[in-house]
Amino acid sequence: MALLDPQQTQGKTHLYLFSQCQLVRARPSVVIQDTRRRCPCSYHPYVTTLSQRR
C-alpha cells in the first residue's frame, strides 16, 4: 500500500491510496481468471471509499 500526498496528485486536493502486487503475490488476494497472455479482459479495476475518524 502506498499513499500520495495531495501535492502529488493532479487536483492537489485529495490523498491517493493505491496498491501494487507482483503477479504471483496478487493471486491469493484477488480471485481472478488465470491467463498466460496479457489480456485486457483479465484486469479488474475497483473503487473503494475510506473514512477516517477525527
N, C-alpha and C. Protein backbone atom coordinates (compact mmCIF):
# COMPACT_ATOMS: atom_id res chain seq x y z
N MET A 1 0.85 -1.16 0.00
CA MET A 1 0.00 0.00 0.00
C MET A 1 0.90 1.23 0.00
N ALA A 2 0.48 2.22 -0.75
CA ALA A 2 1.22 3.48 -0.80
C ALA A 2 0.23 4.64 -0.76
N LEU A 3 0.66 5.73 -0.21
CA LEU A 3 -0.19 6.90 -0.05
C LEU A 3 0.54 8.11 -0.62
N LEU A 4 -0.11 8.79 -1.57
CA LEU A 4 0.46 10.02 -2.12
C LEU A 4 -0.15 11.22 -1.42
N ASP A 5 0.66 12.21 -1.16
CA ASP A 5 0.19 13.47 -0.59
C ASP A 5 -0.65 14.21 -1.64
N PRO A 6 -1.55 15.09 -1.22
CA PRO A 6 -2.35 15.85 -2.18
C PRO A 6 -1.50 16.60 -3.21
N GLN A 7 -0.34 17.09 -2.81
CA GLN A 7 0.51 17.83 -3.74
C GLN A 7 1.02 16.95 -4.88
N GLN A 8 1.01 15.64 -4.70
CA GLN A 8 1.49 14.71 -5.72
C GLN A 8 0.39 14.27 -6.68
N THR A 9 -0.85 14.72 -6.46
CA THR A 9 -1.97 14.31 -7.30
C THR A 9 -2.34 15.41 -8.28
N GLN A 10 -3.14 15.06 -9.27
CA GLN A 10 -3.50 16.02 -10.32
C GLN A 10 -4.28 17.20 -9.77
N GLY A 11 -5.30 16.96 -8.95
CA GLY A 11 -6.12 18.05 -8.42
C GLY A 11 -5.52 18.73 -7.20
N LYS A 12 -4.52 18.10 -6.61
CA LYS A 12 -3.80 18.64 -5.44
C LYS A 12 -4.71 18.92 -4.24
N THR A 13 -5.83 18.15 -4.14
CA THR A 13 -6.74 18.35 -3.01
C THR A 13 -6.96 17.10 -2.17
N HIS A 14 -6.78 15.91 -2.74
CA HIS A 14 -7.08 14.67 -2.03
C HIS A 14 -5.85 13.76 -1.97
N LEU A 15 -5.77 12.98 -0.90
CA LEU A 15 -4.77 11.93 -0.82
C LEU A 15 -5.10 10.85 -1.84
N TYR A 16 -4.11 10.05 -2.25
CA TYR A 16 -4.34 8.97 -3.20
C TYR A 16 -3.70 7.71 -2.64
N LEU A 17 -4.51 6.71 -2.34
CA LEU A 17 -4.05 5.44 -1.80
C LEU A 17 -4.11 4.40 -2.90
N PHE A 18 -3.01 3.65 -3.09
CA PHE A 18 -3.02 2.61 -4.11
C PHE A 18 -2.18 1.43 -3.66
N SER A 19 -2.41 0.31 -4.32
CA SER A 19 -1.63 -0.90 -4.05
C SER A 19 -1.13 -1.46 -5.37
N GLN A 20 -0.05 -2.20 -5.30
CA GLN A 20 0.52 -2.81 -6.48
C GLN A 20 1.10 -4.15 -6.06
N CYS A 21 0.68 -5.21 -6.74
CA CYS A 21 1.15 -6.55 -6.39
C CYS A 21 1.92 -7.16 -7.55
N GLN A 22 2.91 -7.95 -7.23
CA GLN A 22 3.53 -8.79 -8.23
C GLN A 22 2.51 -9.88 -8.56
N LEU A 23 2.53 -10.40 -9.78
CA LEU A 23 1.53 -11.36 -10.22
C LEU A 23 1.41 -12.55 -9.27
N VAL A 24 2.53 -13.12 -8.88
CA VAL A 24 2.50 -14.31 -8.03
C VAL A 24 1.96 -13.99 -6.63
N ARG A 25 2.12 -12.76 -6.16
CA ARG A 25 1.63 -12.37 -4.84
C ARG A 25 0.16 -11.91 -4.88
N ALA A 26 -0.32 -11.50 -6.04
CA ALA A 26 -1.69 -10.99 -6.15
C ALA A 26 -2.72 -12.12 -6.15
N ARG A 27 -2.33 -13.28 -6.58
CA ARG A 27 -3.29 -14.38 -6.70
C ARG A 27 -4.03 -14.69 -5.41
N PRO A 28 -3.37 -14.75 -4.26
CA PRO A 28 -4.14 -15.04 -3.03
C PRO A 28 -5.04 -13.89 -2.59
N SER A 29 -4.75 -12.66 -3.00
CA SER A 29 -5.52 -11.52 -2.52
C SER A 29 -6.74 -11.21 -3.38
N VAL A 30 -6.70 -11.57 -4.66
CA VAL A 30 -7.81 -11.30 -5.57
C VAL A 30 -8.08 -12.55 -6.39
N VAL A 31 -9.31 -13.00 -6.40
CA VAL A 31 -9.66 -14.17 -7.21
C VAL A 31 -9.85 -13.70 -8.64
N ILE A 32 -8.97 -14.16 -9.54
CA ILE A 32 -9.04 -13.77 -10.94
C ILE A 32 -8.87 -15.00 -11.82
N GLN A 33 -9.32 -14.88 -13.06
CA GLN A 33 -9.13 -15.95 -14.02
C GLN A 33 -7.66 -15.99 -14.40
N ASP A 34 -7.07 -17.17 -14.36
CA ASP A 34 -5.66 -17.32 -14.69
C ASP A 34 -5.49 -17.32 -16.21
N THR A 35 -4.56 -16.54 -16.69
CA THR A 35 -4.28 -16.48 -18.12
C THR A 35 -2.79 -16.33 -18.33
N ARG A 36 -2.28 -16.89 -19.41
CA ARG A 36 -0.85 -16.77 -19.71
C ARG A 36 -0.57 -15.55 -20.58
N ARG A 37 -1.60 -14.98 -21.17
CA ARG A 37 -1.41 -13.79 -22.00
C ARG A 37 -1.86 -12.56 -21.25
N ARG A 38 -1.29 -11.43 -21.59
CA ARG A 38 -1.77 -10.17 -21.03
C ARG A 38 -3.00 -9.77 -21.83
N CYS A 39 -4.13 -9.96 -21.22
CA CYS A 39 -5.40 -9.70 -21.88
C CYS A 39 -6.16 -8.64 -21.09
N PRO A 40 -6.63 -7.58 -21.75
CA PRO A 40 -7.38 -6.55 -21.01
C PRO A 40 -8.59 -7.12 -20.27
N CYS A 41 -9.12 -8.24 -20.75
CA CYS A 41 -10.29 -8.82 -20.09
C CYS A 41 -9.95 -9.42 -18.73
N SER A 42 -8.66 -9.58 -18.42
CA SER A 42 -8.28 -10.18 -17.14
C SER A 42 -7.95 -9.13 -16.07
N TYR A 43 -8.03 -7.85 -16.41
CA TYR A 43 -7.76 -6.80 -15.43
C TYR A 43 -9.05 -6.46 -14.69
N HIS A 44 -8.95 -6.23 -13.38
CA HIS A 44 -10.13 -5.98 -12.57
C HIS A 44 -9.95 -4.71 -11.74
N PRO A 45 -10.18 -3.53 -12.32
CA PRO A 45 -10.09 -2.31 -11.52
C PRO A 45 -11.26 -2.25 -10.53
N TYR A 46 -11.06 -1.55 -9.44
CA TYR A 46 -12.12 -1.38 -8.45
C TYR A 46 -11.97 -0.04 -7.77
N VAL A 47 -13.05 0.40 -7.19
CA VAL A 47 -13.07 1.67 -6.46
C VAL A 47 -13.58 1.38 -5.05
N THR A 48 -12.99 2.03 -4.07
CA THR A 48 -13.42 1.86 -2.69
C THR A 48 -13.42 3.21 -1.99
N THR A 49 -14.07 3.29 -0.88
CA THR A 49 -14.13 4.53 -0.09
C THR A 49 -13.55 4.27 1.29
N LEU A 50 -12.67 5.13 1.74
CA LEU A 50 -12.09 5.04 3.07
C LEU A 50 -12.56 6.23 3.89
N SER A 51 -12.77 6.01 5.16
CA SER A 51 -13.13 7.13 6.04
C SER A 51 -12.20 7.12 7.25
N GLN A 52 -12.03 8.27 7.84
CA GLN A 52 -11.12 8.42 8.97
C GLN A 52 -11.84 9.18 10.07
N ARG A 53 -11.75 8.68 11.28
CA ARG A 53 -12.33 9.39 12.42
C ARG A 53 -11.42 10.54 12.80
N ARG A 54 -12.01 11.64 13.15
CA ARG A 54 -11.21 12.80 13.55
C ARG A 54 -11.31 13.04 15.02
